[in-house]
Amino acid sequence: MAVPIRTCAGCGRKAPRIELLRFAAVNGVLKAVPESRGRGAYTCALAPCFERALSAKSFSRALRTAVRVDPALRDLYTDADG
């Protein structure tokens, strides 16, 4: 069976979907949503990827809508050392 490949919105790395964190726009707010239908954006599980996606406005572009980002989402990430 083929494994779905997704692209990190921060670094651009292609990886199996299970290795990345998935986000979706829920009522205009970015939420971590592991399983749902519809448009999603993915990042690696590293804080620099999340920060890069924020600064480049990659979430809004990937989700095709303006989103507000809850600062608590940063708690989902590890630092570069793991």
Protein backbone atom coordinates (compact mmCIF):
# COMPACT_ATOMS: atom_id res chain seq x y z
CA MET A 1 0.00 0.00 0.00
CA ALA A 2 1.30 3.45 -0.89
CA VAL A 3 2.16 5.82 1.96
CA PRO A 4 0.83 9.39 1.50
CA ILE A 5 3.66 11.92 1.17
CA ARG A 6 3.17 15.51 2.34
CA THR A 7 5.38 18.63 2.28
CA CYS A 8 6.41 20.63 5.35
CA ALA A 9 5.13 24.21 5.10
CA GLY A 10 8.26 25.41 6.90
CA CYS A 11 11.28 23.66 5.38
CA GLY A 12 9.78 22.07 2.27
CA ARG A 13 10.90 18.55 3.20
CA LYS A 14 8.74 15.79 1.77
CA ALA A 15 7.91 13.05 4.27
CA PRO A 16 5.28 10.40 4.99
CA ARG A 17 2.16 11.99 6.42
CA ILE A 18 2.53 10.15 9.73
CA GLU A 19 5.86 11.94 10.43
CA LEU A 20 4.35 15.44 10.13
CA LEU A 21 1.92 17.49 12.22
CA ARG A 22 -1.32 18.43 10.45
CA PHE A 23 -3.12 21.76 10.80
CA ALA A 24 -6.44 23.05 9.52
CA ALA A 25 -8.37 26.31 9.67
CA VAL A 26 -11.31 26.00 12.06
CA ASN A 27 -13.45 29.15 12.02
CA GLY A 28 -10.42 31.20 10.94
CA VAL A 29 -8.14 29.85 13.67
CA LEU A 30 -5.22 27.49 13.03
CA LYS A 31 -5.75 24.24 14.92
CA ALA A 32 -3.75 21.04 15.19
CA VAL A 33 -6.13 18.52 13.64
CA PRO A 34 -4.54 15.09 13.14
CA GLU A 35 -7.49 13.54 11.31
CA SER A 36 -10.11 15.50 9.42
CA ARG A 37 -11.41 16.06 5.95
CA GLY A 38 -10.58 19.03 3.81
CA ARG A 39 -7.59 21.23 3.26
CA GLY A 40 -4.67 20.87 5.63
CA ALA A 41 -1.13 22.14 6.10
CA TYR A 42 1.74 20.12 7.53
CA THR A 43 5.00 20.85 9.34
CA CYS A 44 7.84 18.75 10.71
CA ALA A 45 7.77 18.25 14.47
CA LEU A 46 10.51 20.86 14.96
CA ALA A 47 9.94 24.39 16.25
CA PRO A 48 12.07 26.07 13.52
CA CYS A 49 9.79 24.62 10.82
CA PHE A 50 6.70 26.00 12.58
CA GLU A 51 8.34 29.42 13.04
CA ARG A 52 9.44 29.53 9.40
CA ALA A 53 5.92 28.63 8.23
CA LEU A 54 4.51 31.43 10.39
CA SER A 55 6.94 34.07 9.19
CA ALA A 56 6.45 33.14 5.54
CA LYS A 57 2.63 33.03 5.96
CA SER A 58 2.72 29.48 4.61
CA PHE A 59 -0.29 28.34 6.64
CA SER A 60 -2.59 30.95 5.09
CA ARG A 61 -1.28 30.16 1.64
CA ALA A 62 -1.59 26.37 2.01
CA LEU A 63 -5.05 26.60 3.58
CA ARG A 64 -6.17 29.26 1.10
CA THR A 65 -7.62 31.44 3.86
CA ALA A 66 -6.39 33.93 6.42
CA VAL A 67 -5.82 32.24 9.79
CA ARG A 68 -5.06 33.45 13.31
CA VAL A 69 -2.40 31.43 15.08
CA ASP A 70 -2.75 30.54 18.73
CA PRO A 71 0.65 30.93 20.47
CA ALA A 72 -0.10 27.73 22.43
CA LEU A 73 0.53 25.74 19.23
CA ARG A 74 4.26 26.25 19.82
CA ASP A 75 3.94 23.77 22.71
CA LEU A 76 3.43 20.95 20.18
CA TYR A 77 7.01 21.24 18.99
CA THR A 78 10.39 20.06 20.14
CA ASP A 79 13.61 22.04 19.81
CA ALA A 80 16.18 21.17 17.13
CA ASP A 81 17.89 18.70 19.49
CA GLY A 82 14.72 16.65 19.95
